[in-house]
PDB file of N, CA and C in Angstrom:
ATOM      1  N   MET A   1      75.080  87.567 163.919  1.00  0.00           N
ATOM      2  CA  MET A   1      75.515  86.247 163.530  1.00  0.00           C
ATOM      3  C   MET A   1      74.818  85.207 164.401  1.00  0.00           C
ATOM      4  N   VAL A   2      74.503  84.085 163.833  1.00  0.00           N
ATOM      5  CA  VAL A   2      73.781  83.025 164.525  1.00  0.00           C
ATOM      6  C   VAL A   2      74.675  81.806 164.629  1.00  0.00           C
ATOM      7  N   THR A   3      74.684  81.158 165.786  1.00  0.00           N
ATOM      8  CA  THR A   3      75.475  79.958 165.977  1.00  0.00           C
ATOM      9  C   THR A   3      75.068  78.899 164.976  1.00  0.00           C
ATOM     10  N   GLY A   4      76.063  78.225 164.400  1.00  0.00           N
ATOM     11  CA  GLY A   4      75.760  77.156 163.461  1.00  0.00           C
ATOM     12  C   GLY A   4      75.768  77.623 162.024  1.00  0.00           C
ATOM     13  N   GLY A   5      76.060  78.869 161.784  1.00  0.00           N
ATOM     14  CA  GLY A   5      76.112  79.385 160.428  1.00  0.00           C
ATOM     15  C   GLY A   5      76.056  80.891 160.430  1.00  0.00           C
ATOM     16  N   ILE A   6      76.392  81.451 159.309  1.00  0.00           N
ATOM     17  CA  ILE A   6      76.400  82.900 159.181  1.00  0.00           C
ATOM     18  C   ILE A   6      75.082  83.344 158.560  1.00  0.00           C
ATOM     19  N   VAL A   7      74.438  84.300 159.197  1.00  0.00           N
ATOM     20  CA  VAL A   7      73.220  84.888 158.664  1.00  0.00           C
ATOM     21  C   VAL A   7      73.514  86.360 158.455  1.00  0.00           C
ATOM     22  N   PRO A   8      73.430  86.837 157.218  1.00  0.00           N
ATOM     23  CA  PRO A   8      73.729  88.239 156.961  1.00  0.00           C
ATOM     24  C   PRO A   8      72.805  89.166 157.736  1.00  0.00           C
ATOM     25  N   GLY A   9      73.363  90.211 158.310  1.00  0.00           N
ATOM     26  CA  GLY A   9      72.581  91.176 159.059  1.00  0.00           C
ATOM     27  C   GLY A   9      71.899  92.197 158.168  1.00  0.00           C
ATOM     28  N   ASN A  10      72.204  92.187 156.881  1.00  0.00           N
ATOM     29  CA  ASN A  10      71.645  93.192 155.988  1.00  0.00           C
ATOM     30  C   ASN A  10      70.369  92.730 155.281  1.00  0.00           C
ATOM     31  N   LEU A  11      69.821  91.607 155.660  1.00  0.00           N
ATOM     32  CA  LEU A  11      68.547  91.182 155.079  1.00  0.00           C
ATOM     33  C   LEU A  11      67.448  92.094 155.612  1.00  0.00           C
ATOM     34  N   SER A  12      66.470  92.347 154.775  1.00  0.00           N
ATOM     35  CA  SER A  12      65.421  93.281 155.162  1.00  0.00           C
ATOM     36  C   SER A  12      64.550  92.717 156.278  1.00  0.00           C
ATOM     37  N   ILE A  13      64.121  93.620 157.130  1.00  0.00           N
ATOM     38  CA  ILE A  13      63.239  93.281 158.241  1.00  0.00           C
ATOM     39  C   ILE A  13      61.808  93.378 157.733  1.00  0.00           C
ATOM     40  N   PHE A  14      61.002  92.367 158.015  1.00  0.00           N
ATOM     41  CA  PHE A  14      59.611  92.365 157.574  1.00  0.00           C
ATOM     42  C   PHE A  14      58.840  93.428 158.349  1.00  0.00           C
ATOM     43  N   ASP A  15      58.235  94.366 157.609  1.00  0.00           N
ATOM     44  CA  ASP A  15      57.497  95.468 158.229  1.00  0.00           C
ATOM     45  C   ASP A  15      56.024  95.474 157.842  1.00  0.00           C
ATOM     46  N   GLY A  16      55.546  94.361 157.308  1.00  0.00           N
ATOM     47  CA  GLY A  16      54.148  94.276 156.906  1.00  0.00           C
ATOM     48  C   GLY A  16      53.963  94.390 155.402  1.00  0.00           C
ATOM     49  N   LYS A  17      55.040  94.708 154.695  1.00  0.00           N
ATOM     50  CA  LYS A  17      54.978  94.839 153.234  1.00  0.00           C
ATOM     51  C   LYS A  17      55.929  93.832 152.607  1.00  0.00           C
ATOM     52  N   GLY A  18      55.569  93.338 151.442  1.00  0.00           N
ATOM     53  CA  GLY A  18      56.441  92.407 150.730  1.00  0.00           C
ATOM     54  C   GLY A  18      56.571  91.058 151.421  1.00  0.00           C
ATOM     55  N   TYR A  19      55.455  90.545 151.916  1.00  0.00           N
ATOM     56  CA  TYR A  19      55.487  89.279 152.657  1.00  0.00           C
ATOM     57  C   TYR A  19      56.080  88.147 151.821  1.00  0.00           C
ATOM     58  N   HIS A  20      55.682  88.040 150.571  1.00  0.00           N
ATOM     59  CA  HIS A  20      56.155  86.930 149.741  1.00  0.00           C
ATOM     60  C   HIS A  20      57.682  86.950 149.613  1.00  0.00           C
ATOM     61  N   ASP A  21      58.261  88.104 149.338  1.00  0.00           N
ATOM     62  CA  ASP A  21      59.720  88.202 149.210  1.00  0.00           C
ATOM     63  C   ASP A  21      60.415  87.850 150.526  1.00  0.00           C
ATOM     64  N   TRP A  22      59.867  88.375 151.626  1.00  0.00           N
ATOM     65  CA  TRP A  22      60.435  88.082 152.934  1.00  0.00           C
ATOM     66  C   TRP A  22      60.361  86.581 153.227  1.00  0.00           C
ATOM     67  N   CYS A  23      59.231  85.976 152.880  1.00  0.00           N
ATOM     68  CA  CYS A  23      59.010  84.554 153.117  1.00  0.00           C
ATOM     69  C   CYS A  23      60.039  83.704 152.358  1.00  0.00           C
ATOM     70  N   VAL A  24      60.326  84.083 151.124  1.00  0.00           N
ATOM     71  CA  VAL A  24      61.315  83.360 150.322  1.00  0.00           C
ATOM     72  C   VAL A  24      62.696  83.450 150.982  1.00  0.00           C
ATOM     73  N   LYS A  25      63.064  84.645 151.436  1.00  0.00           N
ATOM     74  CA  LYS A  25      64.358  84.836 152.097  1.00  0.00           C
ATOM     75  C   LYS A  25      64.427  84.036 153.399  1.00  0.00           C
ATOM     76  N   MET A  26      63.338  84.091 154.175  1.00  0.00           N
ATOM     77  CA  MET A  26      63.325  83.370 155.448  1.00  0.00           C
ATOM     78  C   MET A  26      63.384  81.867 155.226  1.00  0.00           C
ATOM     79  N   ASP A  27      62.731  81.381 154.187  1.00  0.00           N
ATOM     80  CA  ASP A  27      62.779  79.960 153.878  1.00  0.00           C
ATOM     81  C   ASP A  27      64.232  79.536 153.633  1.00  0.00           C
ATOM     82  N   ALA A  28      64.963  80.373 152.916  1.00  0.00           N
ATOM     83  CA  ALA A  28      66.375  80.069 152.654  1.00  0.00           C
ATOM     84  C   ALA A  28      67.207  80.115 153.937  1.00  0.00           C
ATOM     85  N   ILE A  29      66.983  81.124 154.760  1.00  0.00           N
ATOM     86  CA  ILE A  29      67.732  81.248 156.025  1.00  0.00           C
ATOM     87  C   ILE A  29      67.417  80.073 156.942  1.00  0.00           C
ATOM     88  N   LEU A  30      66.139  79.770 157.093  1.00  0.00           N
ATOM     89  CA  LEU A  30      65.741  78.674 157.978  1.00  0.00           C
ATOM     90  C   LEU A  30      66.260  77.338 157.469  1.00  0.00           C
ATOM     91  N   GLY A  31      66.253  77.149 156.150  1.00  0.00           N
ATOM     92  CA  GLY A  31      66.803  75.923 155.571  1.00  0.00           C
ATOM     93  C   GLY A  31      68.298  75.822 155.801  1.00  0.00           C
ATOM     94  N   PHE A  32      69.001  76.932 155.615  1.00  0.00           N
ATOM     95  CA  PHE A  32      70.448  76.973 155.836  1.00  0.00           C
ATOM     96  C   PHE A  32      70.790  76.635 157.285  1.00  0.00           C
ATOM     97  N   GLN A  33      69.982  77.127 158.201  1.00  0.00           N
ATOM     98  CA  GLN A  33      70.211  76.879 159.627  1.00  0.00           C
ATOM     99  C   GLN A  33      69.711  75.493 160.054  1.00  0.00           C
ATOM    100  N   GLY A  34      69.022  74.803 159.161  1.00  0.00           N
ATOM    101  CA  GLY A  34      68.550  73.457 159.464  1.00  0.00           C
ATOM    102  C   GLY A  34      67.332  73.420 160.370  1.00  0.00           C
ATOM    103  N   VAL A  35      66.557  74.492 160.379  1.00  0.00           N
ATOM    104  CA  VAL A  35      65.379  74.541 161.244  1.00  0.00           C
ATOM    105  C   VAL A  35      64.088  74.755 160.456  1.00  0.00           C
ATOM    106  N   ASP A  36      64.149  74.595 159.143  1.00  0.00           N
ATOM    107  CA  ASP A  36      62.966  74.812 158.318  1.00  0.00           C
ATOM    108  C   ASP A  36      61.861  73.798 158.606  1.00  0.00           C
ATOM    109  N   GLU A  37      62.229  72.578 158.901  1.00  0.00           N
ATOM    110  CA  GLU A  37      61.224  71.546 159.172  1.00  0.00           C
ATOM    111  C   GLU A  37      60.439  71.853 160.442  1.00  0.00           C
ATOM    112  N   ILE A  38      61.088  72.418 161.430  1.00  0.00           N
ATOM    113  CA  ILE A  38      60.411  72.739 162.686  1.00  0.00           C
ATOM    114  C   ILE A  38      59.365  73.833 162.467  1.00  0.00           C
ATOM    115  N   VAL A  39      59.614  74.712 161.504  1.00  0.00           N
ATOM    116  CA  VAL A  39      58.643  75.761 161.171  1.00  0.00           C
ATOM    117  C   VAL A  39      57.417  75.138 160.529  1.00  0.00           C
ATOM    118  N   GLN A  40      57.638  74.158 159.683  1.00  0.00           N
ATOM    119  CA  GLN A  40      56.549  73.514 158.951  1.00  0.00           C
ATOM    120  C   GLN A  40      55.712  72.596 159.851  1.00  0.00           C
ATOM    121  N   LYS A  41      56.386  71.783 160.665  1.00  0.00           N
ATOM    122  CA  LYS A  41      55.693  70.743 161.420  1.00  0.00           C
ATOM    123  C   LYS A  41      55.442  71.087 162.883  1.00  0.00           C
ATOM    124  N   GLY A  42      56.232  71.996 163.434  1.00  0.00           N
ATOM    125  CA  GLY A  42      56.074  72.363 164.830  1.00  0.00           C
ATOM    126  C   GLY A  42      56.851  71.445 165.754  1.00  0.00           C
ATOM    127  N   CYS A  43      56.721  71.724 167.040  1.00  0.00           N
ATOM    128  CA  CYS A  43      57.425  70.979 168.080  1.00  0.00           C
ATOM    129  C   CYS A  43      56.398  70.601 169.140  1.00  0.00           C
ATOM    130  N   LYS A  44      56.320  69.331 169.438  1.00  0.00           N
ATOM    131  CA  LYS A  44      55.322  68.869 170.398  1.00  0.00           C
ATOM    132  C   LYS A  44      55.952  68.660 171.776  1.00  0.00           C
ATOM    133  N   GLU A  45      55.169  68.882 172.791  1.00  0.00           N
ATOM    134  CA  GLU A  45      55.582  68.696 174.180  1.00  0.00           C
ATOM    135  C   GLU A  45      55.059  67.347 174.681  1.00  0.00           C
ATOM    136  N   PRO A  46      55.472  66.776 175.742  1.00  0.00           N
ATOM    137  CA  PRO A  46      56.563  67.193 176.621  1.00  0.00           C
ATOM    138  C   PRO A  46      57.912  66.689 176.116  1.00  0.00           C
ATOM    139  N   LEU A  47      58.962  67.257 176.635  1.00  0.00           N
ATOM    140  CA  LEU A  47      60.309  66.897 176.221  1.00  0.00           C
ATOM    141  C   LEU A  47      60.856  65.816 177.148  1.00  0.00           C
ATOM    142  N   LYS A  48      61.051  64.646 176.596  1.00  0.00           N
ATOM    143  CA  LYS A  48      61.571  63.543 177.403  1.00  0.00           C
ATOM    144  C   LYS A  48      62.880  63.027 176.849  1.00  0.00           C
ATOM    145  N   SER A  49      62.925  62.777 175.582  1.00  0.00           N
ATOM    146  CA  SER A  49      64.127  62.203 174.997  1.00  0.00           C
ATOM    147  C   SER A  49      65.077  63.297 174.514  1.00  0.00           C
ATOM    148  N   ALA A  50      66.289  62.892 174.216  1.00  0.00           N
ATOM    149  CA  ALA A  50      67.287  63.823 173.687  1.00  0.00           C
ATOM    150  C   ALA A  50      66.837  64.383 172.338  1.00  0.00           C
ATOM    151  N   GLU A  51      66.168  63.542 171.545  1.00  0.00           N
ATOM    152  CA  GLU A  51      65.673  64.000 170.239  1.00  0.00           C
ATOM    153  C   GLU A  51      64.627  65.093 170.404  1.00  0.00           C
ATOM    154  N   GLU A  52      63.724  64.931 171.370  1.00  0.00           N
ATOM    155  CA  GLU A  52      62.702  65.945 171.618  1.00  0.00           C
ATOM    156  C   GLU A  52      63.330  67.243 172.114  1.00  0.00           C
ATOM    157  N   LYS A  53      64.357  67.138 172.947  1.00  0.00           N
ATOM    158  CA  LYS A  53      65.050  68.328 173.432  1.00  0.00           C
ATOM    159  C   LYS A  53      65.752  69.046 172.284  1.00  0.00           C
ATOM    160  N   GLU A  54      66.293  68.295 171.352  1.00  0.00           N
ATOM    161  CA  GLU A  54      66.943  68.891 170.189  1.00  0.00           C
ATOM    162  C   GLU A  54      65.909  69.589 169.303  1.00  0.00           C
ATOM    163  N   ARG A  55      64.731  69.008 169.157  1.00  0.00           N
ATOM    164  CA  ARG A  55      63.670  69.657 168.387  1.00  0.00           C
ATOM    165  C   ARG A  55      63.252  70.960 169.042  1.00  0.00           C
ATOM    166  N   LYS A  56      63.164  70.975 170.367  1.00  0.00           N
ATOM    167  CA  LYS A  56      62.800  72.194 171.089  1.00  0.00           C
ATOM    168  C   LYS A  56      63.874  73.262 170.898  1.00  0.00           C
ATOM    169  N   ARG A  57      65.133  72.861 170.913  1.00  0.00           N
ATOM    170  CA  ARG A  57      66.236  73.796 170.685  1.00  0.00           C
ATOM    171  C   ARG A  57      66.137  74.368 169.271  1.00  0.00           C
ATOM    172  N   SER A  58      65.826  73.505 168.317  1.00  0.00           N
ATOM    173  CA  SER A  58      65.669  73.956 166.930  1.00  0.00           C
ATOM    174  C   SER A  58      64.488  74.916 166.806  1.00  0.00           C
ATOM    175  N   ASP A  59      63.417  74.636 167.532  1.00  0.00           N
ATOM    176  CA  ASP A  59      62.258  75.509 167.515  1.00  0.00           C
ATOM    177  C   ASP A  59      62.625  76.891 168.048  1.00  0.00           C
ATOM    178  N   CYS A  60      63.351  76.939 169.130  1.00  0.00           N
ATOM    179  CA  CYS A  60      63.779  78.224 169.702  1.00  0.00           C
ATOM    180  C   CYS A  60      64.699  78.966 168.743  1.00  0.00           C
ATOM    181  N   LYS A  61      65.591  78.245 168.102  1.00  0.00           N
ATOM    182  CA  LYS A  61      66.512  78.848 167.141  1.00  0.00           C
ATOM    183  C   LYS A  61      65.733  79.446 165.971  1.00  0.00           C
ATOM    184  N   ALA A  62      64.779  78.704 165.445  1.00  0.00           N
ATOM    185  CA  ALA A  62      63.973  79.183 164.319  1.00  0.00           C
ATOM    186  C   ALA A  62      63.122  80.381 164.725  1.00  0.00           C
ATOM    187  N   ARG A  63      62.548  80.332 165.915  1.00  0.00           N
ATOM    188  CA  ARG A  63      61.725  81.442 166.388  1.00  0.00           C
ATOM    189  C   ARG A  63      62.567  82.707 166.562  1.00  0.00           C
ATOM    190  N   MET A  64      63.790  82.533 167.053  1.00  0.00           N
ATOM    191  CA  MET A  64      64.705  83.654 167.200  1.00  0.00           C
ATOM    192  C   MET A  64      65.015  84.271 165.838  1.00  0.00           C
ATOM    193  N   LEU A  65      65.212  83.434 164.825  1.00  0.00           N
ATOM    194  CA  LEU A  65      65.485  83.938 163.482  1.00  0.00           C
ATOM    195  C   LEU A  65      64.301  84.739 162.942  1.00  0.00           C
ATOM    196  N   ILE A  66      63.104  84.242 163.151  1.00  0.00           N
ATOM    197  CA  ILE A  66      61.924  84.964 162.686  1.00  0.00           C
ATOM    198  C   ILE A  66      61.822  86.310 163.395  1.00  0.00           C
ATOM    199  N   HIS A  67      61.982  86.318 164.709  1.00  0.00           N
ATOM    200  CA  HIS A  67      61.912  87.575 165.455  1.00  0.00           C
ATOM    201  C   HIS A  67      62.998  88.550 165.003  1.00  0.00           C
ATOM    202  N   GLN A  68      64.145  88.033 164.625  1.00  0.00           N
ATOM    203  CA  GLN A  68      65.252  88.873 164.193  1.00  0.00           C
ATOM    204  C   GLN A  68      64.923  89.601 162.890  1.00  0.00           C
ATOM    205  N   TYR A  69      64.104  89.000 162.048  1.00  0.00           N
ATOM    206  CA  TYR A  69      63.808  89.563 160.739  1.00  0.00           C
ATOM    207  C   TYR A  69      62.370  90.051 160.600  1.00  0.00           C
ATOM    208  N   VAL A  70      61.731  90.355 161.711  1.00  0.00           N
ATOM    209  CA  VAL A  70      60.397  90.956 161.716  1.00  0.00           C
ATOM    210  C   VAL A  70      60.503  92.253 162.514  1.00  0.00           C
ATOM    211  N   SER A  71      59.889  93.315 162.023  1.00  0.00           N
ATOM    212  CA  SER A  71      59.973  94.596 162.728  1.00  0.00           C
ATOM    213  C   SER A  71      59.392  94.453 164.132  1.00  0.00           C
ATOM    214  N   THR A  72      59.908  95.278 165.034  1.00  0.00           N
ATOM    215  CA  THR A  72      59.455  95.248 166.425  1.00  0.00           C
ATOM    216  C   THR A  72      57.960  95.514 166.505  1.00  0.00           C
ATOM    217  N   ASN A  73      57.475  96.408 165.677  1.00  0.00           N
ATOM    218  CA  ASN A  73      56.054  96.746 165.666  1.00  0.00           C
ATOM    219  C   ASN A  73      55.191  95.520 165.391  1.00  0.00           C
ATOM    220  N   ILE A  74      55.536  94.753 164.367  1.00  0.00           N
ATOM    221  CA  ILE A  74      54.769  93.548 164.028  1.00  0.00           C
ATOM    222  C   ILE A  74      55.008  92.457 165.067  1.00  0.00           C
ATOM    223  N   SER A  75      56.244  92.315 165.498  1.00  0.00           N
ATOM    224  CA  SER A  75      56.578  91.283 166.472  1.00  0.00           C
ATOM    225  C   SER A  75      55.776  91.465 167.755  1.00  0.00           C
ATOM    226  N   GLN A  76      55.719  92.694 168.259  1.00  0.00           N
ATOM    227  CA  GLN A  76      55.002  92.950 169.507  1.00  0.00           C
ATOM    228  C   GLN A  76      53.500  92.756 169.345  1.00  0.00           C
ATOM    229  N   LYS A  77      52.964  93.144 168.196  1.00  0.00           N
ATOM    230  CA  LYS A  77      51.515  93.062 167.988  1.00  0.00           C
ATOM    231  C   LYS A  77      51.045  91.671 167.606  1.00  0.00           C
ATOM    232  N   LYS A  78      51.836  90.954 166.831  1.00  0.00           N
ATOM    233  CA  LYS A  78      51.338  89.723 166.207  1.00  0.00           C
ATOM    234  C   LYS A  78      51.919  88.439 166.806  1.00  0.00           C
ATOM    235  N   ILE A  79      53.235  88.352 166.904  1.00  0.00           N
ATOM    236  CA  ILE A  79      53.832  87.038 167.187  1.00  0.00           C
ATOM    237  C   ILE A  79      54.535  86.926 168.525  1.00  0.00           C
ATOM    238  N   SER A  80      54.503  87.964 169.339  1.00  0.00           N
ATOM    239  CA  SER A  80      55.242  87.920 170.604  1.00  0.00           C
ATOM    240  C   SER A  80      54.728  86.843 171.557  1.00  0.00           C
ATOM    241  N   LYS A  81      53.472  86.487 171.462  1.00  0.00           N
ATOM    242  CA  LYS A  81      52.902  85.482 172.372  1.00  0.00           C
ATOM    243  C   LYS A  81      52.902  84.074 171.793  1.00  0.00           C
ATOM    244  N   ALA A  82      53.414  83.930 170.577  1.00  0.00           N
ATOM    245  CA  ALA A  82      53.483  82.595 169.972  1.00  0.00           C
ATOM    246  C   ALA A  82      54.473  81.744 170.752  1.00  0.00           C
ATOM    247  N   SER A  83      54.071  80.550 171.110  1.00  0.00           N
ATOM    248  CA  SER A  83      54.945  79.695 171.912  1.00  0.00           C
ATOM    249  C   SER A  83      55.804  78.768 171.062  1.00  0.00           C
ATOM    250  N   THR A  84      55.489  78.662 169.770  1.00  0.00           N
ATOM    251  CA  THR A  84      56.299  77.842 168.869  1.00  0.00           C
ATOM    252  C   THR A  84      56.547  78.609 167.574  1.00  0.00           C
ATOM    253  N   THR A  85      57.558  78.165 166.852  1.00  0.00           N
ATOM    254  CA  THR A  85      57.864  78.773 165.570  1.00  0.00           C
ATOM    255  C   THR A  85      56.708  78.587 164.600  1.00  0.00           C
ATOM    256  N   LYS A  86      56.133  77.408 164.584  1.00  0.00           N
ATOM    257  CA  LYS A  86      55.019  77.136 163.670  1.00  0.00           C
ATOM    258  C   LYS A  86      53.867  78.091 163.942  1.00  0.00           C
ATOM    259  N   GLU A  87      53.571  78.318 165.196  1.00  0.00           N
ATOM    260  CA  GLU A  87      52.493  79.231 165.558  1.00  0.00           C
ATOM    261  C   GLU A  87      52.807  80.653 165.061  1.00  0.00           C
ATOM    262  N   ALA A  88      54.033  81.117 165.261  1.00  0.00           N
ATOM    263  CA  ALA A  88      54.438  82.448 164.788  1.00  0.00           C
ATOM    264  C   ALA A  88      54.351  82.526 163.267  1.00  0.00           C
ATOM    265  N   TRP A  89      54.844  81.493 162.600  1.00  0.00           N
ATOM    266  CA  TRP A  89      54.828  81.463 161.131  1.00  0.00           C
ATOM    267  C   TRP A  89      53.394  81.470 160.604  1.00  0.00           C
ATOM    268  N   ASP A  90      52.533  80.679 161.224  1.00  0.00           N
ATOM    269  CA  ASP A  90      51.133  80.604 160.806  1.00  0.00           C
ATOM    270  C   ASP A  90      50.423  81.946 161.005  1.00  0.00           C
ATOM    271  N   ILE A  91      50.755  82.662 162.085  1.00  0.00           N
ATOM    272  CA  ILE A  91      50.164  83.977 162.337  1.00  0.00           C
ATOM    273  C   ILE A  91      50.575  84.942 161.230  1.00  0.00           C
ATOM    274  N   LEU A  92      51.852  84.943 160.881  1.00  0.00           N
ATOM    275  CA  LEU A  92      52.334  85.821 159.816  1.00  0.00           C
ATOM    276  C   LEU A  92      51.716  85.434 158.475  1.00  0.00           C
ATOM    277  N   SER A  93      51.658  84.152 158.218  1.00  0.00           N
ATOM    278  CA  SER A  93      51.098  83.672 156.953  1.00  0.00           C
ATOM    279  C   SER A  93      49.625  84.053 156.820  1.00  0.00           C
ATOM    280  N   ALA A  94      48.883  83.891 157.895  1.00  0.00           N
ATOM    281  CA  ALA A  94      47.453  84.225 157.869  1.00  0.00           C
ATOM    282  C   ALA A  94      47.240  85.724 157.717  1.00  0.00           C
ATOM    283  N   GLY A  95      48.095  86.509 158.335  1.00  0.00           N
ATOM    284  CA  GLY A  95      47.920  87.954 158.303  1.00  0.00           C
ATOM    285  C   GLY A  95      48.439  88.627 157.052  1.00  0.00           C
ATOM    286  N   TYR A  96      49.471  88.048 156.442  1.00  0.00           N
ATOM    287  CA  TYR A  96      50.130  88.723 155.331  1.00  0.00           C
ATOM    288  C   TYR A  96      50.249  87.871 154.073  1.00  0.00           C
ATOM    289  N   GLY A  97      50.059  86.598 154.169  1.00  0.00           N
ATOM    290  CA  GLY A  97      50.281  85.710 153.035  1.00  0.00           C
ATOM    291  C   GLY A  97      49.051  85.357 152.239  1.00  0.00           C
ATOM    292  N   ASN A  98      48.009  86.138 152.322  1.00  0.00           N
ATOM    293  CA  ASN A  98      46.747  85.822 151.651  1.00  0.00           C
ATOM    294  C   ASN A  98      46.708  86.238 150.196  1.00  0.00           C
ATOM    295  N   SER A  99      47.772  86.813 149.675  1.00  0.00           N
ATOM    296  CA  SER A  99      47.727  87.344 148.314  1.00  0.00           C
ATOM    297  C   SER A  99      47.375  86.268 147.291  1.00  0.00           C
ATOM    298  N   GLY A 100      47.837  85.039 147.494  1.00  0.00           N
ATOM    299  CA  GLY A 100      47.500  83.952 146.573  1.00  0.00           C
ATOM    300  C   GLY A 100      46.019  83.635 146.589  1.00  0.00           C
ATOM    301  N   LYS A 101      45.416  83.636 147.752  1.00  0.00           N
ATOM    302  CA  LYS A 101      43.980  83.367 147.867  1.00  0.00           C
ATOM    303  C   LYS A 101      43.169  84.496 147.247  1.00  0.00           C
ATOM    304  N   ILE A 102      43.619  85.724 147.469  1.00  0.00           N
ATOM    305  CA  ILE A 102      42.917  86.870 146.908  1.00  0.00           C
ATOM    306  C   ILE A 102      42.955  86.812 145.389  1.00  0.00           C
ATOM    307  N   LYS A 103      44.119  86.465 144.832  1.00  0.00           N
ATOM    308  CA  LYS A 103      44.244  86.362 143.385  1.00  0.00           C
ATOM    309  C   LYS A 103      43.310  85.287 142.835  1.00  0.00           C
ATOM    310  N   LYS A 104      43.210  84.147 143.520  1.00  0.00           N
ATOM    311  CA  LYS A 104      42.329  83.075 143.066  1.00  0.00           C
ATOM    312  C   LYS A 104      40.876  83.531 143.060  1.00  0.00           C
ATOM    313  N   VAL A 105      40.471  84.241 144.097  1.00  0.00           N
ATOM    314  CA  VAL A 105      39.095  84.729 144.182  1.00  0.00           C
ATOM    315  C   VAL A 105      38.820  85.723 143.064  1.00  0.00           C
ATOM    316  N   LYS A 106      39.782  86.615 142.785  1.00  0.00           N
ATOM    317  CA  LYS A 106      39.610  87.594 141.722  1.00  0.00           C
ATOM    318  C   LYS A 106      39.512  86.890 140.359  1.00  0.00           C
ATOM    319  N   ILE A 107      40.343  85.884 140.139  1.00  0.00           N
ATOM    320  CA  ILE A 107      40.312  85.136 138.879  1.00  0.00           C
ATOM    321  C   ILE A 107      38.972  84.433 138.723  1.00  0.00           C
ATOM    322  N   GLN A 108      38.484  83.810 139.804  1.00  0.00           N
ATOM    323  CA  GLN A 108      37.192  83.142 139.750  1.00  0.00           C
ATOM    324  C   GLN A 108      36.074  84.134 139.433  1.00  0.00           C
ATOM    325  N   SER A 109      36.151  85.322 140.040  1.00  0.00           N
ATOM    326  CA  SER A 109      35.138  86.353 139.789  1.00  0.00           C
ATOM    327  C   SER A 109      35.173  86.793 138.326  1.00  0.00           C
ATOM    328  N   LEU A 110      36.371  86.955 137.791  1.00  0.00           N
ATOM    329  CA  LEU A 110      36.494  87.381 136.398  1.00  0.00           C
ATOM    330  C   LEU A 110      35.977  86.316 135.439  1.00  0.00           C
ATOM    331  N   ARG A 111      36.186  85.053 135.769  1.00  0.00           N
ATOM    332  CA  ARG A 111      35.700  83.969 134.920  1.00  0.00           C
ATOM    333  C   ARG A 111      34.173  83.939 134.864  1.00  0.00           C
ATOM    334  N   ARG A 112      33.555  84.289 135.965  1.00  0.00           N
ATOM    335  CA  ARG A 112      32.082  84.296 136.026  1.00  0.00           C
ATOM    336  C   ARG A 112      31.568  85.423 135.187  1.00  0.00           C
TER     337      ARG A 112
END
C-alpha cells in the first residue's frame, strides 16, 4: 500500500515483456497517485521553495512506484542509477517501448 491512496499489490511486475500493457497500468497508477506529471516533465534542482520540495517528494514517490512494479532483474540492470523518475521512465521507454517505431519502419518498408 502507498501513502495517499491504495495501489493494488496484484498488478503485474514488468519483466521485460508486455511493455505497452505495463505502461498503460503504470500511467493509471501514477495518475491516481498524482505523480504522473513528474514522470513526464521531471524534477529540477536545486530545492529552495516549498513547491520545489513538494515536486522532489512527488518525484521520489513516483520513482518508488516504478521500482515497485519492475522486476528486480530489470531494476538492477537498467534503472537503479536513475536519479529522477523521468530518467527511469525514459530508460524503460527507450529499451522496451520501441514497438511503435518498429511498426512504422515496417509499414514504410512495405509501402516501398
